[in-house]
N, C-alpha and C. Protein backbone atom coordinates (compact mmCIF):
# COMPACT_ATOMS: atom_id res chain seq x y z
N UNK A 1 111.81 121.99 118.24
CA UNK A 1 112.10 120.57 118.07
C UNK A 1 112.53 119.98 119.42
N UNK A 2 112.16 118.75 119.65
CA UNK A 2 112.51 118.06 120.89
C UNK A 2 113.50 116.94 120.59
N UNK A 3 114.55 116.89 121.42
CA UNK A 3 115.59 115.87 121.29
C UNK A 3 115.55 115.02 122.56
N UNK A 4 115.95 113.75 122.45
CA UNK A 4 115.97 112.86 123.60
C UNK A 4 117.38 112.30 123.80
N UNK A 5 117.73 112.14 125.08
CA UNK A 5 119.02 111.54 125.42
C UNK A 5 118.79 110.56 126.57
N UNK A 6 119.04 109.30 126.32
CA UNK A 6 118.89 108.25 127.32
C UNK A 6 120.23 108.06 128.03
N UNK A 7 120.29 108.53 129.29
CA UNK A 7 121.50 108.37 130.10
C UNK A 7 121.24 107.39 131.25
N UNK A 8 120.25 106.52 131.09
CA UNK A 8 119.95 105.53 132.12
C UNK A 8 121.13 104.58 132.27
N UNK A 9 121.46 104.28 133.52
CA UNK A 9 122.57 103.37 133.80
C UNK A 9 123.92 104.06 133.88
N UNK A 10 123.98 105.34 133.54
CA UNK A 10 125.24 106.08 133.60
C UNK A 10 125.35 106.81 134.93
N UNK A 11 126.56 106.85 135.48
CA UNK A 11 126.79 107.51 136.76
C UNK A 11 127.51 108.84 136.55
N UNK A 12 127.39 109.70 137.54
CA UNK A 12 128.02 111.01 137.55
C UNK A 12 129.51 110.86 137.20
N UNK A 13 130.01 111.69 136.33
CA UNK A 13 129.42 112.87 135.69
C UNK A 13 128.89 112.60 134.28
N UNK A 14 128.79 111.35 133.87
CA UNK A 14 128.46 111.04 132.47
C UNK A 14 127.12 111.60 131.98
N UNK A 15 126.03 111.55 132.76
CA UNK A 15 124.78 112.12 132.24
C UNK A 15 124.91 113.60 131.85
N UNK A 16 125.57 114.38 132.71
CA UNK A 16 125.74 115.81 132.42
C UNK A 16 126.71 116.02 131.25
N UNK A 17 127.77 115.25 131.19
CA UNK A 17 128.72 115.40 130.08
C UNK A 17 128.05 115.06 128.74
N UNK A 18 127.24 114.02 128.72
CA UNK A 18 126.53 113.67 127.48
C UNK A 18 125.48 114.72 127.13
N UNK A 19 124.81 115.27 128.15
CA UNK A 19 123.83 116.33 127.90
C UNK A 19 124.52 117.57 127.33
N UNK A 20 125.66 117.93 127.88
CA UNK A 20 126.40 119.09 127.37
C UNK A 20 126.76 118.89 125.89
N UNK A 21 127.25 117.71 125.55
CA UNK A 21 127.63 117.44 124.16
C UNK A 21 126.41 117.49 123.24
N UNK A 22 125.30 116.90 123.65
CA UNK A 22 124.09 116.89 122.83
C UNK A 22 123.56 118.31 122.65
N UNK A 23 123.56 119.12 123.71
CA UNK A 23 123.05 120.49 123.64
C UNK A 23 123.89 121.36 122.71
N UNK A 24 125.16 121.05 122.57
CA UNK A 24 126.01 121.83 121.65
C UNK A 24 125.53 121.70 120.21
N UNK A 25 124.90 120.58 119.90
CA UNK A 25 124.49 120.33 118.53
C UNK A 25 123.06 120.73 118.20
N UNK A 26 122.35 121.35 119.14
CA UNK A 26 120.98 121.77 118.85
C UNK A 26 120.86 123.28 118.93
N UNK A 27 119.81 123.81 118.34
CA UNK A 27 119.62 125.25 118.26
C UNK A 27 119.09 125.81 119.58
N UNK A 28 119.43 127.08 119.88
CA UNK A 28 118.87 127.73 121.06
C UNK A 28 117.33 127.68 121.03
N UNK A 29 116.74 127.42 122.18
CA UNK A 29 115.29 127.34 122.28
C UNK A 29 114.74 125.94 122.11
N UNK A 30 115.54 125.02 121.57
CA UNK A 30 115.06 123.65 121.41
C UNK A 30 115.13 122.92 122.75
N UNK A 31 114.37 121.84 122.85
CA UNK A 31 114.21 121.11 124.10
C UNK A 31 114.96 119.79 124.07
N UNK A 32 115.63 119.49 125.18
CA UNK A 32 116.28 118.20 125.36
C UNK A 32 115.58 117.48 126.51
N UNK A 33 115.13 116.25 126.24
CA UNK A 33 114.60 115.38 127.28
C UNK A 33 115.73 114.44 127.68
N UNK A 34 116.19 114.58 128.91
CA UNK A 34 117.31 113.79 129.43
C UNK A 34 116.78 112.79 130.44
N UNK A 35 116.97 111.50 130.18
CA UNK A 35 116.53 110.46 131.10
C UNK A 35 117.72 109.97 131.92
N UNK A 36 117.57 110.02 133.26
CA UNK A 36 118.63 109.58 134.15
C UNK A 36 118.06 108.70 135.25
N UNK A 37 118.95 107.89 135.85
CA UNK A 37 118.57 107.16 137.06
C UNK A 37 119.69 107.22 138.10
N UNK A 38 120.65 108.09 137.88
CA UNK A 38 121.74 108.31 138.82
C UNK A 38 121.24 109.22 139.94
N UNK A 39 121.34 108.80 141.21
CA UNK A 39 120.87 109.65 142.31
C UNK A 39 121.53 111.03 142.34
N UNK A 40 122.76 111.14 141.87
CA UNK A 40 123.47 112.43 141.88
C UNK A 40 122.87 113.42 140.88
N UNK A 41 122.06 112.94 139.94
CA UNK A 41 121.50 113.82 138.92
C UNK A 41 120.60 114.90 139.51
N UNK A 42 119.99 114.63 140.66
CA UNK A 42 119.10 115.63 141.26
C UNK A 42 119.87 116.88 141.66
N UNK A 43 121.15 116.77 141.86
CA UNK A 43 122.01 117.93 142.15
C UNK A 43 122.72 118.37 140.87
N UNK A 44 123.26 117.42 140.13
CA UNK A 44 124.09 117.73 138.97
C UNK A 44 123.35 118.43 137.83
N UNK A 45 122.17 117.95 137.48
CA UNK A 45 121.46 118.50 136.32
C UNK A 45 121.02 119.95 136.55
N UNK A 46 120.37 120.27 137.68
CA UNK A 46 120.03 121.68 137.90
C UNK A 46 121.26 122.59 137.94
N UNK A 47 122.32 122.14 138.57
CA UNK A 47 123.55 122.94 138.65
C UNK A 47 124.13 123.17 137.25
N UNK A 48 124.17 122.13 136.44
CA UNK A 48 124.66 122.25 135.07
C UNK A 48 123.84 123.27 134.29
N UNK A 49 122.53 123.23 134.41
CA UNK A 49 121.67 124.15 133.66
C UNK A 49 121.96 125.60 134.05
N UNK A 50 122.09 125.86 135.33
CA UNK A 50 122.39 127.23 135.79
C UNK A 50 123.75 127.67 135.26
N UNK A 51 124.75 126.83 135.41
CA UNK A 51 126.12 127.19 134.99
C UNK A 51 126.23 127.39 133.49
N UNK A 52 125.49 126.61 132.71
CA UNK A 52 125.61 126.66 131.25
C UNK A 52 124.61 127.62 130.60
N UNK A 53 123.68 128.18 131.39
CA UNK A 53 122.73 129.13 130.84
C UNK A 53 121.52 128.51 130.16
N UNK A 54 121.21 127.26 130.51
CA UNK A 54 120.04 126.59 129.96
C UNK A 54 118.88 126.72 130.96
N UNK A 55 117.66 126.52 130.48
CA UNK A 55 116.49 126.62 131.34
C UNK A 55 116.00 125.21 131.67
N UNK A 56 115.97 124.91 132.96
CA UNK A 56 115.41 123.63 133.40
C UNK A 56 113.92 123.84 133.58
N UNK A 57 113.14 123.31 132.65
CA UNK A 57 111.69 123.54 132.66
C UNK A 57 110.96 122.62 133.63
N UNK A 58 111.63 121.59 134.09
CA UNK A 58 111.01 120.68 135.05
C UNK A 58 111.47 119.27 134.85
N UNK A 59 110.87 118.38 135.61
CA UNK A 59 111.22 116.96 135.51
C UNK A 59 110.06 116.11 135.99
N UNK A 60 110.07 114.85 135.57
CA UNK A 60 109.09 113.86 136.02
C UNK A 60 109.84 112.63 136.49
N UNK A 61 109.35 112.05 137.57
CA UNK A 61 109.94 110.83 138.09
C UNK A 61 108.97 109.67 137.89
N UNK A 62 109.50 108.55 137.43
CA UNK A 62 108.70 107.33 137.26
C UNK A 62 109.61 106.12 137.26
N UNK A 63 109.24 105.13 138.05
CA UNK A 63 109.96 103.85 138.07
C UNK A 63 111.46 104.01 138.32
N UNK A 64 111.85 104.92 139.21
CA UNK A 64 113.24 105.10 139.56
C UNK A 64 114.05 105.92 138.58
N UNK A 65 113.40 106.45 137.56
CA UNK A 65 114.10 107.28 136.56
C UNK A 65 113.52 108.68 136.58
N UNK A 66 114.33 109.64 136.19
CA UNK A 66 113.90 111.03 136.09
C UNK A 66 114.08 111.48 134.65
N UNK A 67 113.05 112.10 134.10
CA UNK A 67 113.14 112.73 132.77
C UNK A 67 113.16 114.24 132.98
N UNK A 68 114.27 114.86 132.60
CA UNK A 68 114.49 116.30 132.74
C UNK A 68 114.14 116.99 131.45
N UNK A 69 113.48 118.16 131.54
CA UNK A 69 113.18 118.99 130.36
C UNK A 69 114.11 120.20 130.39
N UNK A 70 115.08 120.20 129.49
CA UNK A 70 116.10 121.26 129.44
C UNK A 70 115.94 122.03 128.14
N UNK A 71 115.68 123.32 128.26
CA UNK A 71 115.56 124.21 127.09
C UNK A 71 116.92 124.88 126.87
N UNK A 72 117.48 124.70 125.68
CA UNK A 72 118.81 125.28 125.40
C UNK A 72 118.74 126.80 125.44
N UNK A 73 119.67 127.38 126.20
CA UNK A 73 119.74 128.84 126.33
C UNK A 73 120.49 129.47 125.18
């Protein structure tokens, strides 16, 4: 199952904090699509995934926003 979280307009650390909370409520192996436009997310999101044991499957950039694909570990 795929879940979406719109964190557009939120600044560090809110996108990662909201992603952490959302990931707690989904099953291991499920996918979270996290949309951000905070410049700090390019550092924060990959670091969060490593620290929390999630798999960052990739990201796409479009119109100043990044959509991250995070697989819950």
